[in-house]
Amino acid sequence: MKALMTRSEHERFKACKAAMDERFQNLGQVFVPVAPEQKDDVKFTVLFVGQAVSKKYSFPDLAEYDTAWDKATDEVAQCCPAGKGVFWNAASRIVKGALVATGSSLQDNRYDDIVGFTNLAKIAKVDGNPNSAQIAFQAGLCVDQLKREIDLMKPTAIVMMVRNFAQNNIIEPVFGTHGWEHDTPQKDRVAFKIHSESLLSG
């Protein structure tokens, strides 16, 4: 899988983390998002977006760009097909449903040809999601980075399993506040929006 963050972008996030370390404690390493390489026989791709990583991204070796890249790649290759945990269980079911709907004959061991993996916040606490102050500190970088990720991958669909996490700081600056529809009148379940062009072109 290819990284959706360059080495120079990673260095900018590491500088942000160093500044955050002076103010906050117990922060994990910078998350490096990944996407599948382009394949002619793949009818669709999907970018799964989480809130932020936690404990497993606290190890010192993950401060290195290549190691963090490998870690995210392994998450897709191992966790998505197996449906490990709530996030990857949902991702696996969505991909399987899309494979059926598109009549694809791709096997489960090719999930890493379909699935991209990122998070709204690239720097998290080792014991959970970043708080509002920690989100705000990195939000500008995260907004620009998520836009680049989408532009590079050009996924058929983007699935954000994030509830309203970082809604004002990251989600709305990237996707806007208008054009959303909801699956229930209460607007408390699934929100969706049709996208037809690059987020960087507007």
C-alpha atoms as a PDB file:
ATOM      1  CA  MET A   1       0.000   0.000   0.000  1.00  0.00           C
ATOM      2  CA  LYS A   2       1.114   3.560  -0.574  1.00  0.00           C
ATOM      3  CA  ALA A   3       1.420   6.220   2.101  1.00  0.00           C
ATOM      4  CA  LEU A   4      -0.927   9.197   1.842  1.00  0.00           C
ATOM      5  CA  MET A   5       1.458  11.382   3.803  1.00  0.00           C
ATOM      6  CA  THR A   6       4.861  12.434   2.489  1.00  0.00           C
ATOM      7  CA  ARG A   7       8.011  12.458   4.588  1.00  0.00           C
ATOM      8  CA  SER A   8       7.966  16.262   4.670  1.00  0.00           C
ATOM      9  CA  GLU A   9       4.324  16.281   5.798  1.00  0.00           C
ATOM     10  CA  HIS A  10       5.230  13.734   8.459  1.00  0.00           C
ATOM     11  CA  GLU A  11       7.987  16.034   9.689  1.00  0.00           C
ATOM     12  CA  ARG A  12       5.478  18.880   9.998  1.00  0.00           C
ATOM     13  CA  PHE A  13       3.234  16.696  12.134  1.00  0.00           C
ATOM     14  CA  LYS A  14       6.215  15.613  14.233  1.00  0.00           C
ATOM     15  CA  ALA A  15       7.030  19.276  14.843  1.00  0.00           C
ATOM     16  CA  CYS A  16       3.407  19.811  15.854  1.00  0.00           C
ATOM     17  CA  LYS A  17       3.629  16.834  18.203  1.00  0.00           C
ATOM     18  CA  ALA A  18       6.817  18.236  19.761  1.00  0.00           C
ATOM     19  CA  ALA A  19       4.981  21.495  20.452  1.00  0.00           C
ATOM     20  CA  MET A  20       2.017  19.572  21.841  1.00  0.00           C
ATOM     21  CA  ASP A  21       4.333  17.521  24.060  1.00  0.00           C
ATOM     22  CA  GLU A  22       5.335  20.727  25.836  1.00  0.00           C
ATOM     23  CA  ARG A  23       1.713  21.467  26.699  1.00  0.00           C
ATOM     24  CA  PHE A  24       0.098  18.037  26.929  1.00  0.00           C
ATOM     25  CA  GLN A  25       1.228  14.630  28.164  1.00  0.00           C
ATOM     26  CA  ASN A  26       0.790  11.014  27.081  1.00  0.00           C
ATOM     27  CA  LEU A  27       0.653  11.617  23.340  1.00  0.00           C
ATOM     28  CA  GLY A  28       1.136   8.845  20.807  1.00  0.00           C
ATOM     29  CA  GLN A  29       3.158   8.950  17.611  1.00  0.00           C
ATOM     30  CA  VAL A  30       2.063  10.579  14.354  1.00  0.00           C
ATOM     31  CA  PHE A  31      -0.311   8.402  12.338  1.00  0.00           C
ATOM     32  CA  VAL A  32       0.569   7.815   8.662  1.00  0.00           C
ATOM     33  CA  PRO A  33      -2.506   7.109   6.466  1.00  0.00           C
ATOM     34  CA  VAL A  34      -2.400   4.553   3.652  1.00  0.00           C
ATOM     35  CA  ALA A  35      -4.257   3.740   0.444  1.00  0.00           C
ATOM     36  CA  PRO A  36      -4.250   0.885  -2.061  1.00  0.00           C
ATOM     37  CA  GLU A  37      -2.169   1.001  -5.204  1.00  0.00           C
ATOM     38  CA  GLN A  38      -4.245   1.503  -8.362  1.00  0.00           C
ATOM     39  CA  LYS A  39      -5.449  -1.812  -9.826  1.00  0.00           C
ATOM     40  CA  ASP A  40      -7.294  -2.169 -13.129  1.00  0.00           C
ATOM     41  CA  ASP A  41      -9.645  -4.912 -11.914  1.00  0.00           C
ATOM     42  CA  VAL A  42     -10.818  -3.076  -8.775  1.00  0.00           C
ATOM     43  CA  LYS A  43     -14.251  -1.549  -9.368  1.00  0.00           C
ATOM     44  CA  PHE A  44     -14.318   0.617  -6.293  1.00  0.00           C
ATOM     45  CA  THR A  45     -12.170   1.809  -3.403  1.00  0.00           C
ATOM     46  CA  VAL A  46     -13.222   3.083  -0.010  1.00  0.00           C
ATOM     47  CA  LEU A  47     -11.412   5.328   2.453  1.00  0.00           C
ATOM     48  CA  PHE A  48     -12.282   4.494   6.044  1.00  0.00           C
ATOM     49  CA  VAL A  49     -11.839   7.359   8.478  1.00  0.00           C
ATOM     50  CA  GLY A  50     -11.539   6.885  12.224  1.00  0.00           C
ATOM     51  CA  GLN A  51     -11.299   9.394  15.023  1.00  0.00           C
ATOM     52  CA  ALA A  52      -7.729   8.782  16.207  1.00  0.00           C
ATOM     53  CA  VAL A  53      -5.466   5.917  17.171  1.00  0.00           C
ATOM     54  CA  SER A  54      -4.416   5.297  20.776  1.00  0.00           C
ATOM     55  CA  LYS A  55      -2.379   2.729  22.693  1.00  0.00           C
ATOM     56  CA  LYS A  56      -0.894   0.805  19.780  1.00  0.00           C
ATOM     57  CA  TYR A  57       0.599   3.999  18.382  1.00  0.00           C
ATOM     58  CA  SER A  58       2.519   4.868  21.544  1.00  0.00           C
ATOM     59  CA  PHE A  59       5.612   2.769  20.835  1.00  0.00           C
ATOM     60  CA  PRO A  60       8.790   4.816  20.212  1.00  0.00           C
ATOM     61  CA  ASP A  61       9.684   2.979  16.974  1.00  0.00           C
ATOM     62  CA  LEU A  62       6.474   4.301  15.394  1.00  0.00           C
ATOM     63  CA  ALA A  63       8.018   7.773  15.436  1.00  0.00           C
ATOM     64  CA  GLU A  64       9.790   6.673  12.242  1.00  0.00           C
ATOM     65  CA  TYR A  65       7.917   7.359   9.007  1.00  0.00           C
ATOM     66  CA  ASP A  66       8.452   3.939   7.400  1.00  0.00           C
ATOM     67  CA  THR A  67       7.492   2.054  10.557  1.00  0.00           C
ATOM     68  CA  ALA A  68       4.297   4.072  11.007  1.00  0.00           C
ATOM     69  CA  TRP A  69       3.461   3.492   7.331  1.00  0.00           C
ATOM     70  CA  ASP A  70       3.959  -0.264   7.769  1.00  0.00           C
ATOM     71  CA  LYS A  71       1.776  -0.265  10.886  1.00  0.00           C
ATOM     72  CA  ALA A  72      -1.202   1.278   9.086  1.00  0.00           C
ATOM     73  CA  THR A  73      -0.716  -1.095   6.152  1.00  0.00           C
ATOM     74  CA  ASP A  74      -0.768  -4.067   8.526  1.00  0.00           C
ATOM     75  CA  GLU A  75      -3.970  -2.782  10.137  1.00  0.00           C
ATOM     76  CA  VAL A  76      -5.771  -2.932   6.788  1.00  0.00           C
ATOM     77  CA  ALA A  77      -4.310  -6.269   5.691  1.00  0.00           C
ATOM     78  CA  GLN A  78      -4.914  -8.047   9.003  1.00  0.00           C
ATOM     79  CA  CYS A  79      -7.773  -6.322  10.790  1.00  0.00           C
ATOM     80  CA  CYS A  80     -10.193  -5.479   7.994  1.00  0.00           C
ATOM     81  CA  PRO A  81     -10.672  -9.006   6.603  1.00  0.00           C
ATOM     82  CA  ALA A  82     -10.868 -10.443  10.120  1.00  0.00           C
ATOM     83  CA  GLY A  83     -13.185  -7.700  11.383  1.00  0.00           C
ATOM     84  CA  LYS A  84     -11.135  -7.215  14.553  1.00  0.00           C
ATOM     85  CA  GLY A  85     -12.818  -4.689  16.828  1.00  0.00           C
ATOM     86  CA  VAL A  86     -15.885  -2.517  16.212  1.00  0.00           C
ATOM     87  CA  PHE A  87     -14.189  -0.276  13.611  1.00  0.00           C
ATOM     88  CA  TRP A  88     -12.769  -3.042  11.458  1.00  0.00           C
ATOM     89  CA  ASN A  89     -15.824  -5.269  11.874  1.00  0.00           C
ATOM     90  CA  ALA A  90     -17.954  -2.503  10.364  1.00  0.00           C
ATOM     91  CA  ALA A  91     -15.370  -1.841   7.644  1.00  0.00           C
ATOM     92  CA  SER A  92     -15.235  -5.515   6.715  1.00  0.00           C
ATOM     93  CA  ARG A  93     -19.012  -5.770   6.428  1.00  0.00           C
ATOM     94  CA  ILE A  94     -19.202  -2.623   4.289  1.00  0.00           C
ATOM     95  CA  VAL A  95     -16.532  -3.921   1.903  1.00  0.00           C
ATOM     96  CA  LYS A  96     -18.176  -7.339   1.628  1.00  0.00           C
ATOM     97  CA  GLY A  97     -21.512  -5.678   0.862  1.00  0.00           C
ATOM     98  CA  ALA A  98     -19.912  -3.497  -1.801  1.00  0.00           C
ATOM     99  CA  LEU A  99     -18.200  -6.517  -3.382  1.00  0.00           C
ATOM    100  CA  VAL A 100     -21.586  -8.235  -3.691  1.00  0.00           C
ATOM    101  CA  ALA A 101     -23.303  -5.092  -4.990  1.00  0.00           C
ATOM    102  CA  THR A 102     -20.666  -4.552  -7.694  1.00  0.00           C
ATOM    103  CA  GLY A 103     -20.468  -8.201  -8.663  1.00  0.00           C
ATOM    104  CA  SER A 104     -16.771  -8.274  -7.864  1.00  0.00           C
ATOM    105  CA  SER A 105     -14.889 -11.563  -7.681  1.00  0.00           C
ATOM    106  CA  LEU A 106     -12.087 -10.130  -5.549  1.00  0.00           C
ATOM    107  CA  GLN A 107     -11.079 -12.349  -2.659  1.00  0.00           C
ATOM    108  CA  ASP A 108     -10.918 -11.291   0.998  1.00  0.00           C
ATOM    109  CA  ASN A 109      -7.122 -11.386   0.892  1.00  0.00           C
ATOM    110  CA  ARG A 110      -7.232  -8.405  -1.449  1.00  0.00           C
ATOM    111  CA  TYR A 111      -8.759  -5.948   1.004  1.00  0.00           C
ATOM    112  CA  ASP A 112      -5.562  -3.928   0.787  1.00  0.00           C
ATOM    113  CA  ASP A 113      -6.370  -3.355  -2.905  1.00  0.00           C
ATOM    114  CA  ILE A 114      -9.659  -1.728  -1.892  1.00  0.00           C
ATOM    115  CA  VAL A 115      -9.356  -0.113   1.510  1.00  0.00           C
ATOM    116  CA  GLY A 116      -7.637   3.123   2.500  1.00  0.00           C
ATOM    117  CA  PHE A 117      -7.224   3.943   6.184  1.00  0.00           C
ATOM    118  CA  THR A 118      -6.894   7.294   7.905  1.00  0.00           C
ATOM    119  CA  ASN A 119      -7.956   9.224  11.004  1.00  0.00           C
ATOM    120  CA  LEU A 120      -9.280  12.737  11.502  1.00  0.00           C
ATOM    121  CA  ALA A 121      -6.678  13.477  14.181  1.00  0.00           C
ATOM    122  CA  LYS A 122      -3.152  12.313  13.373  1.00  0.00           C
ATOM    123  CA  ILE A 123      -1.861  12.819  16.935  1.00  0.00           C
ATOM    124  CA  ALA A 124      -3.767  11.158  19.762  1.00  0.00           C
ATOM    125  CA  LYS A 125      -3.403  10.381  23.435  1.00  0.00           C
ATOM    126  CA  VAL A 126      -2.010   6.979  24.316  1.00  0.00           C
ATOM    127  CA  ASP A 127      -5.085   6.341  26.477  1.00  0.00           C
ATOM    128  CA  GLY A 128      -7.826   7.495  24.123  1.00  0.00           C
ATOM    129  CA  ASN A 129      -8.992  10.155  21.706  1.00  0.00           C
ATOM    130  CA  PRO A 130      -7.512  13.659  21.912  1.00  0.00           C
ATOM    131  CA  ASN A 131      -9.551  16.225  23.812  1.00  0.00           C
ATOM    132  CA  SER A 132     -10.899  19.445  22.313  1.00  0.00           C
ATOM    133  CA  ALA A 133      -7.739  21.445  23.056  1.00  0.00           C
ATOM    134  CA  GLN A 134      -5.534  18.756  21.482  1.00  0.00           C
ATOM    135  CA  ILE A 135      -7.770  18.585  18.412  1.00  0.00           C
ATOM    136  CA  ALA A 136      -7.686  22.368  17.993  1.00  0.00           C
ATOM    137  CA  PHE A 137      -3.866  22.405  18.238  1.00  0.00           C
ATOM    138  CA  GLN A 138      -3.441  20.129  15.200  1.00  0.00           C
ATOM    139  CA  ALA A 139      -6.664  20.896  13.300  1.00  0.00           C
ATOM    140  CA  GLY A 140      -5.147  23.125  10.613  1.00  0.00           C
ATOM    141  CA  LEU A 141      -2.614  20.486   9.617  1.00  0.00           C
ATOM    142  CA  CYS A 142      -5.236  17.738   9.795  1.00  0.00           C
ATOM    143  CA  VAL A 143      -7.666  19.592   7.516  1.00  0.00           C
ATOM    144  CA  ASP A 144      -5.014  20.154   4.843  1.00  0.00           C
ATOM    145  CA  GLN A 145      -3.763  16.596   5.180  1.00  0.00           C
ATOM    146  CA  LEU A 146      -7.195  14.959   4.872  1.00  0.00           C
ATOM    147  CA  LYS A 147      -7.912  16.989   1.738  1.00  0.00           C
ATOM    148  CA  ARG A 148      -4.630  15.794   0.219  1.00  0.00           C
ATOM    149  CA  GLU A 149      -5.378  12.199   1.172  1.00  0.00           C
ATOM    150  CA  ILE A 150      -8.728  12.289  -0.592  1.00  0.00           C
ATOM    151  CA  ASP A 151      -7.249  13.994  -3.632  1.00  0.00           C
ATOM    152  CA  LEU A 152      -4.448  11.420  -3.889  1.00  0.00           C
ATOM    153  CA  MET A 153      -6.598   8.339  -3.340  1.00  0.00           C
ATOM    154  CA  LYS A 154      -9.757   9.537  -5.137  1.00  0.00           C
ATOM    155  CA  PRO A 155     -11.874   6.908  -3.362  1.00  0.00           C
ATOM    156  CA  THR A 156     -15.247   5.848  -4.698  1.00  0.00           C
ATOM    157  CA  ALA A 157     -16.630   6.325  -1.198  1.00  0.00           C
ATOM    158  CA  ILE A 158     -15.464   7.790   2.109  1.00  0.00           C
ATOM    159  CA  VAL A 159     -16.856   6.186   5.254  1.00  0.00           C
ATOM    160  CA  MET A 160     -16.328   8.173   8.443  1.00  0.00           C
ATOM    161  CA  MET A 161     -17.011   6.166  11.596  1.00  0.00           C
ATOM    162  CA  VAL A 162     -16.492   9.185  13.793  1.00  0.00           C
ATOM    163  CA  ARG A 163     -19.887  10.404  15.084  1.00  0.00           C
ATOM    164  CA  ASN A 164     -19.436  14.155  15.673  1.00  0.00           C
ATOM    165  CA  PHE A 165     -15.767  13.913  16.670  1.00  0.00           C
ATOM    166  CA  ALA A 166     -13.832  17.011  15.519  1.00  0.00           C
ATOM    167  CA  GLN A 167     -16.927  18.108  13.605  1.00  0.00           C
ATOM    168  CA  ASN A 168     -16.247  21.837  13.859  1.00  0.00           C
ATOM    169  CA  ASN A 169     -12.453  21.577  13.640  1.00  0.00           C
ATOM    170  CA  ILE A 170     -11.900  19.044  10.851  1.00  0.00           C
ATOM    171  CA  ILE A 171     -15.057  17.515   9.341  1.00  0.00           C
ATOM    172  CA  GLU A 172     -16.859  20.723   8.394  1.00  0.00           C
ATOM    173  CA  PRO A 173     -13.749  22.537   7.092  1.00  0.00           C
ATOM    174  CA  VAL A 174     -13.100  19.557   4.789  1.00  0.00           C
ATOM    175  CA  PHE A 175     -16.603  18.478   3.751  1.00  0.00           C
ATOM    176  CA  GLY A 176     -18.646  21.620   4.397  1.00  0.00           C
ATOM    177  CA  THR A 177     -21.842  22.070   6.374  1.00  0.00           C
ATOM    178  CA  HIS A 178     -24.376  21.822   3.538  1.00  0.00           C
ATOM    179  CA  GLY A 179     -25.679  18.983   1.404  1.00  0.00           C
ATOM    180  CA  TRP A 180     -25.827  16.355   4.128  1.00  0.00           C
ATOM    181  CA  GLU A 181     -28.750  13.930   4.293  1.00  0.00           C
ATOM    182  CA  HIS A 182     -29.694  11.591   7.141  1.00  0.00           C
ATOM    183  CA  ASP A 183     -31.157   8.121   7.368  1.00  0.00           C
ATOM    184  CA  THR A 184     -33.565   9.033  10.183  1.00  0.00           C
ATOM    185  CA  PRO A 185     -35.650  12.124  10.962  1.00  0.00           C
ATOM    186  CA  GLN A 186     -33.787  12.452  14.273  1.00  0.00           C
ATOM    187  CA  LYS A 187     -30.470  12.830  12.412  1.00  0.00           C
ATOM    188  CA  ASP A 188     -28.776  10.663  15.022  1.00  0.00           C
ATOM    189  CA  ARG A 189     -27.649   7.671  13.010  1.00  0.00           C
ATOM    190  CA  VAL A 190     -26.050   7.928   9.576  1.00  0.00           C
ATOM    191  CA  ALA A 191     -25.278  11.136   7.707  1.00  0.00           C
ATOM    192  CA  PHE A 192     -24.296  10.948   4.045  1.00  0.00           C
ATOM    193  CA  LYS A 193     -23.337  13.272   1.241  1.00  0.00           C
ATOM    194  CA  ILE A 194     -22.737  12.770  -2.477  1.00  0.00           C
ATOM    195  CA  HIS A 195     -19.328  13.883  -3.678  1.00  0.00           C
ATOM    196  CA  SER A 196     -18.524  14.217  -7.360  1.00  0.00           C
ATOM    197  CA  GLU A 197     -15.235  16.113  -7.577  1.00  0.00           C
ATOM    198  CA  SER A 198     -11.993  16.741  -5.769  1.00  0.00           C
ATOM    199  CA  LEU A 199     -12.239  18.652  -2.514  1.00  0.00           C
ATOM    200  CA  LEU A 200      -9.231  20.662  -3.620  1.00  0.00           C
ATOM    201  CA  SER A 201     -10.880  22.013  -6.750  1.00  0.00           C
ATOM    202  CA  GLY A 202     -13.532  24.150  -5.047  1.00  0.00           C
END
